[in-house]
Protein backbone atom coordinates (compact mmCIF):
# COMPACT_ATOMS: atom_id res chain seq x y z
CA UNK A 1 18.27 -117.18 139.18
CA UNK A 2 14.65 -116.06 139.25
CA UNK A 3 11.67 -118.35 138.66
CA UNK A 4 8.43 -116.67 137.65
CA UNK A 5 5.61 -119.19 137.67
CA UNK A 6 2.22 -118.49 136.07
CA UNK A 7 -0.42 -120.70 137.62
CA UNK A 8 -4.08 -121.00 138.55
CA UNK A 9 -2.91 -122.40 141.91
CA UNK A 10 0.11 -120.30 143.00
CA UNK A 11 -0.15 -121.58 146.58
CA UNK A 12 1.37 -124.86 145.35
CA UNK A 13 4.43 -122.93 144.21
CA UNK A 14 4.72 -120.98 147.47
CA UNK A 15 4.85 -124.17 149.53
CA UNK A 16 7.61 -125.70 147.39
CA UNK A 17 9.93 -122.68 147.60
CA UNK A 18 9.87 -122.74 151.39
CA UNK A 19 11.29 -126.26 151.73
CA UNK A 20 14.75 -127.70 152.38
CA UNK A 21 17.75 -126.62 150.27
CA UNK A 22 15.59 -124.51 147.96
CA UNK A 23 14.20 -122.54 150.90
CA UNK A 24 17.76 -121.89 152.11
CA UNK A 25 18.81 -120.76 148.63
CA UNK A 26 15.92 -118.28 148.65
CA UNK A 27 16.93 -117.02 152.11
CA UNK A 28 20.51 -116.52 150.90
CA UNK A 29 19.33 -114.58 147.86
CA UNK A 30 20.76 -117.07 145.34
CA UNK A 31 17.31 -118.05 144.08
CA UNK A 32 14.27 -115.79 143.72
CA UNK A 33 10.71 -116.69 142.80
CA UNK A 34 7.52 -114.92 141.85
CA UNK A 35 4.23 -116.85 141.76
CA UNK A 36 1.67 -115.19 139.49
CA UNK A 37 -2.03 -115.99 139.71
CA UNK A 38 -3.42 -116.06 136.16
CA UNK A 39 -6.93 -115.44 137.54
CA UNK A 40 -5.85 -111.94 138.55
CA UNK A 41 -5.77 -111.07 134.84
CA UNK A 42 -9.22 -112.39 133.95
CA UNK A 43 -11.84 -109.90 132.74
CA UNK A 44 -15.03 -110.99 134.49
CA UNK A 45 -16.00 -111.02 138.15
CA UNK A 46 -15.90 -114.83 138.20
CA UNK A 47 -12.22 -114.79 137.16
CA UNK A 48 -12.93 -117.14 134.27
CA UNK A 49 -9.78 -118.57 132.69
CA UNK A 50 -11.13 -121.39 130.52
CA UNK A 51 -13.63 -122.03 127.75
CA UNK A 52 -14.65 -124.75 125.29
CA UNK A 53 -12.27 -125.26 122.34
CA UNK A 54 -13.25 -124.17 118.84
CA UNK A 55 -14.07 -127.16 116.67
CA UNK A 56 -15.52 -129.10 119.57
CA UNK A 57 -13.97 -131.86 121.61
CA UNK A 58 -13.79 -132.93 125.21
CA UNK A 59 -12.60 -130.69 128.02
CA UNK A 60 -11.84 -127.01 128.39
CA UNK A 61 -8.95 -124.83 127.25
CA UNK A 62 -7.19 -122.00 129.06
CA UNK A 63 -8.16 -118.63 127.60
CA UNK A 64 -5.56 -116.66 125.66
CA UNK A 65 -6.33 -113.18 127.00
CA UNK A 66 -5.80 -113.65 130.78
CA UNK A 67 -2.66 -115.71 130.15
CA UNK A 68 -1.29 -113.20 127.65
CA UNK A 69 -1.87 -110.32 130.07
CA UNK A 70 -0.17 -112.29 132.86
CA UNK A 71 2.84 -112.95 130.64
CA UNK A 72 3.19 -109.31 129.67
CA UNK A 73 2.98 -108.29 133.33
CA UNK A 74 6.20 -110.22 134.05
CA UNK A 75 8.17 -108.93 131.07
CA UNK A 76 7.36 -111.52 128.42
CA UNK A 77 7.08 -109.98 124.95
CA UNK A 78 4.73 -110.86 122.15
CA UNK A 79 7.02 -111.73 119.24
CA UNK A 80 4.40 -110.52 116.75
CA UNK A 81 4.35 -107.07 118.33
CA UNK A 82 8.00 -106.55 119.40
CA UNK A 83 11.07 -106.83 117.17
CA UNK A 84 13.55 -109.66 117.58
CA UNK A 85 16.09 -107.26 119.09
CA UNK A 86 13.96 -106.58 122.16
CA UNK A 87 15.25 -108.12 125.37
CA UNK A 88 12.90 -110.76 126.76
CA UNK A 89 12.84 -113.43 129.43
CA UNK A 90 12.87 -117.11 128.48
CA UNK A 91 9.31 -118.47 128.55
CA UNK A 92 8.71 -122.20 128.98
CA UNK A 93 5.43 -124.06 128.64
CA UNK A 94 5.29 -127.46 130.37
CA UNK A 95 3.35 -129.86 128.15
CA UNK A 96 3.36 -133.60 127.34
CA UNK A 97 3.79 -132.69 123.67
CA UNK A 98 7.03 -130.78 124.28
CA UNK A 99 10.59 -131.95 123.70
CA UNK A 100 12.07 -134.10 126.48
CA UNK A 101 13.51 -132.34 129.52
CA UNK A 102 16.99 -133.77 130.21
CA UNK A 103 19.91 -133.20 132.56
CA UNK A 104 21.80 -131.39 129.79
CA UNK A 105 18.85 -129.06 129.31
CA UNK A 106 18.59 -128.55 133.08
CA UNK A 107 22.24 -127.45 133.06
CA UNK A 108 21.55 -125.03 130.22
CA UNK A 109 18.49 -123.53 131.89
CA UNK A 110 20.31 -123.12 135.21
CA UNK A 111 22.48 -120.47 133.53
CA UNK A 112 19.52 -118.21 132.69
CA UNK A 113 18.93 -115.09 134.76
CA UNK A 114 15.17 -115.77 134.79
CA UNK A 115 12.73 -118.44 133.65
CA UNK A 116 9.03 -117.80 133.16
CA UNK A 117 7.10 -121.05 133.51
CA UNK A 118 3.54 -121.51 132.27
CA UNK A 119 1.54 -124.14 134.16
CA UNK A 120 -1.28 -125.46 132.01
CA UNK A 121 -4.54 -126.99 133.19
CA UNK A 122 -7.54 -128.65 131.55
CA UNK A 123 -6.73 -129.54 127.90
CA UNK A 124 -3.86 -127.05 127.75
CA UNK A 125 -3.54 -123.48 126.52
CA UNK A 126 -4.57 -121.59 123.38
CA UNK A 127 -2.01 -122.19 120.60
CA UNK A 128 -1.75 -118.45 119.94
CA UNK A 129 -0.09 -117.98 123.34
CA UNK A 130 2.51 -120.58 122.37
CA UNK A 131 3.07 -118.94 119.00
CA UNK A 132 3.39 -115.45 120.45
CA UNK A 133 5.23 -115.90 123.74
CA UNK A 134 6.69 -119.36 124.31
CA UNK A 135 10.37 -120.10 123.66
CA UNK A 136 10.41 -123.75 124.76
CA UNK A 137 7.75 -126.44 125.05
CA UNK A 138 9.13 -129.06 127.45
CA UNK A 139 7.89 -132.45 128.64
CA UNK A 140 9.09 -134.15 131.82
CA UNK A 141 8.07 -137.59 130.51
CA UNK A 142 5.86 -139.61 128.24
CA UNK A 143 2.73 -139.38 130.37
CA UNK A 144 -0.07 -136.89 131.01
CA UNK A 145 -0.60 -134.94 134.24
CA UNK A 146 -3.64 -132.95 135.29
CA UNK A 147 -1.36 -130.33 136.85
CA UNK A 148 1.16 -128.21 134.99
CA UNK A 149 2.35 -127.09 138.40
CA UNK A 150 3.72 -130.58 139.09
CA UNK A 151 5.79 -130.49 135.90
CA UNK A 152 7.02 -126.96 136.63
CA UNK A 153 8.19 -128.00 140.09
CA UNK A 154 10.16 -130.88 138.55
CA UNK A 155 11.92 -128.44 136.23
CA UNK A 156 12.61 -126.05 139.10
CA UNK A 157 13.98 -128.84 141.30
CA UNK A 158 16.28 -130.08 138.55
CA UNK A 159 17.67 -126.63 137.70
CA UNK A 160 17.96 -124.62 140.91
CA UNK A 161 20.40 -127.12 142.43
CA UNK A 162 22.75 -126.51 139.48
CA UNK A 163 22.87 -122.76 140.11
CA UNK A 164 26.26 -121.66 141.43
CA UNK A 165 26.61 -121.76 145.24
CA UNK A 166 23.42 -123.73 145.90
CA UNK A 167 25.18 -127.11 146.19
CA UNK A 168 28.92 -127.79 146.34
CA UNK A 169 30.37 -128.81 142.94
CA UNK A 170 31.80 -132.03 144.44
CA UNK A 171 28.28 -133.20 145.29
CA UNK A 172 27.20 -132.80 141.67
CA UNK A 173 30.11 -134.39 139.83
CA UNK A 174 29.26 -138.07 140.31
CA UNK A 175 25.48 -137.87 140.26
CA UNK A 176 23.44 -139.78 137.71
CA UNK A 177 24.04 -138.51 134.15
CA UNK A 178 27.28 -136.82 135.19
CA UNK A 179 29.89 -137.89 132.65
CA UNK A 180 27.31 -140.00 130.83
CA UNK A 181 26.82 -142.58 133.61
CA UNK A 182 24.34 -143.33 136.38
CA UNK A 183 25.34 -142.91 140.02
CA UNK A 184 26.98 -145.71 142.01
CA UNK A 185 25.16 -147.38 144.96
CA UNK A 186 25.70 -145.76 148.35
CA UNK A 187 25.61 -147.02 151.95
CA UNK A 188 25.61 -145.57 155.47
CA UNK A 189 25.29 -146.89 159.03
CA UNK A 190 24.75 -149.51 160.31
CA UNK A 191 27.38 -151.77 158.75
CA UNK A 192 25.02 -154.74 159.05
CA UNK A 193 21.31 -154.24 158.40
CA UNK A 194 18.31 -156.48 159.03
CA UNK A 195 17.79 -160.00 160.31
CA UNK A 196 19.56 -161.59 157.35
CA UNK A 197 22.68 -159.50 157.93
CA UNK A 198 22.90 -157.35 154.81
CA UNK A 199 26.41 -155.90 154.88
CA UNK A 200 28.08 -152.81 153.50
CA UNK A 201 30.62 -153.84 150.81
CA UNK A 202 33.98 -154.41 152.48
CA UNK A 203 35.81 -152.16 150.06
CA UNK A 204 33.91 -149.11 151.37
CA UNK A 205 35.18 -149.86 154.88
CA UNK A 206 38.78 -150.34 153.76
CA UNK A 207 39.85 -146.71 153.75
CA UNK A 208 41.73 -147.32 150.47
CA UNK A 209 40.62 -144.30 148.46
CA UNK A 210 41.90 -145.45 145.07
CA UNK A 211 40.23 -148.85 145.35
CA UNK A 212 37.00 -147.17 146.45
CA UNK A 213 37.16 -144.77 143.52
CA UNK A 214 37.65 -147.60 141.02
CA UNK A 215 34.89 -149.71 142.62
CA UNK A 216 32.48 -146.80 142.38
CA UNK A 217 33.37 -146.24 138.72
CA UNK A 218 32.87 -149.93 138.00
CA UNK A 219 29.46 -149.84 139.70
CA UNK A 220 28.47 -146.75 137.71
CA UNK A 221 29.32 -148.53 134.46
CA UNK A 222 27.67 -151.75 135.61
CA UNK A 223 24.43 -150.01 136.58
CA UNK A 224 24.30 -147.93 133.41
CA UNK A 225 24.80 -151.00 131.21
CA UNK A 226 22.00 -152.78 133.08
CA UNK A 227 19.47 -149.94 133.44
CA UNK A 228 20.19 -147.44 130.64
CA UNK A 229 22.46 -149.01 127.98
CA UNK A 230 21.56 -146.24 125.53
CA UNK A 231 23.50 -143.81 127.76
CA UNK A 232 26.66 -145.85 127.17
CA UNK A 233 26.21 -145.63 123.39
CA UNK A 234 25.47 -141.91 123.65
CA UNK A 235 28.50 -141.30 125.86
CA UNK A 236 30.79 -143.21 123.51
CA UNK A 237 29.53 -141.21 120.52
CA UNK A 238 30.06 -137.94 122.40
CA UNK A 239 33.54 -138.92 123.61
CA UNK A 240 32.58 -138.54 127.28
CA UNK A 241 34.54 -141.53 128.60
CA UNK A 242 38.23 -141.68 129.47
CA UNK A 243 40.41 -144.73 128.78
CA UNK A 244 39.73 -146.30 132.19
CA UNK A 245 35.96 -146.03 131.75
CA UNK A 246 36.10 -147.38 128.20
CA UNK A 247 38.15 -150.34 129.43
CA UNK A 248 35.61 -151.11 132.16
CA UNK A 249 32.75 -150.87 129.67
CA UNK A 250 34.48 -153.33 127.32
CA UNK A 251 35.29 -155.70 130.19
CA UNK A 252 31.74 -155.72 131.56
CA UNK A 253 30.19 -156.05 128.09
CA UNK A 254 32.46 -159.01 127.36
CA UNK A 255 31.53 -160.61 130.67
CA UNK A 256 27.82 -160.09 129.95
CA UNK A 257 28.21 -161.56 126.46
CA UNK A 258 29.93 -164.66 127.84
CA UNK A 259 27.20 -165.07 130.47
CA UNK A 260 24.48 -164.78 127.84
CA UNK A 261 26.16 -167.49 125.79
CA UNK A 262 26.36 -169.77 128.82
CA UNK A 263 22.68 -169.15 129.58
CA UNK A 264 21.78 -170.13 126.00
CA UNK A 265 23.73 -173.36 126.41
CA UNK A 266 21.81 -174.20 129.55
């Protein structure tokens, strides 16, 4: 997998790719990256990459010409100038107005040979760049950032770890959103923590693997019902849950319903 990141501040990207598991994946040749400084494609000696928007309004907008030249330098193709049959890399623009970035989409993107990420600044980028080059407009959440680099790094972090051989498959299977559920709570040493004696659940110390497996599944269902109930509905509609999981969901929902009725009576 190769990440090509177009940015006004490529040093932010360099630092990220040298850290932790991602840095090791780069060393092993599983992941490759290419930071591209958009200013290198500006026309004037001041390396100007922004200007006031037509029609007025607050803020500045990234210029189309430097960004378009930067995109073409990394193999992106202008769809108005090249036929649909031409091979091109997948170009993504990170923007609050894009469609939501999800775990399913992260899995899909992790299968690409290369992603070209555009990091916006100011009020965004000229719409003609989006029309001509961009394949996906993605948002990492319903909020606005001043830095497109931050959003790009979130996308990179979510996708590179899904690339084959970066992380063992067993470590990915029971993570949040795997199988439509959130992850179960986890504990490590010491067995008793703090002055009030917070203990690790006894079942995790039992060595009984089947009981531990079922407890973890129950906790996944319990947490998902409490924190993200819409994931349960989505998983049921998609047929993601086996009979055991469906039984636990029904049991916990029934228990919650009975508790709510008791609370009303009080």
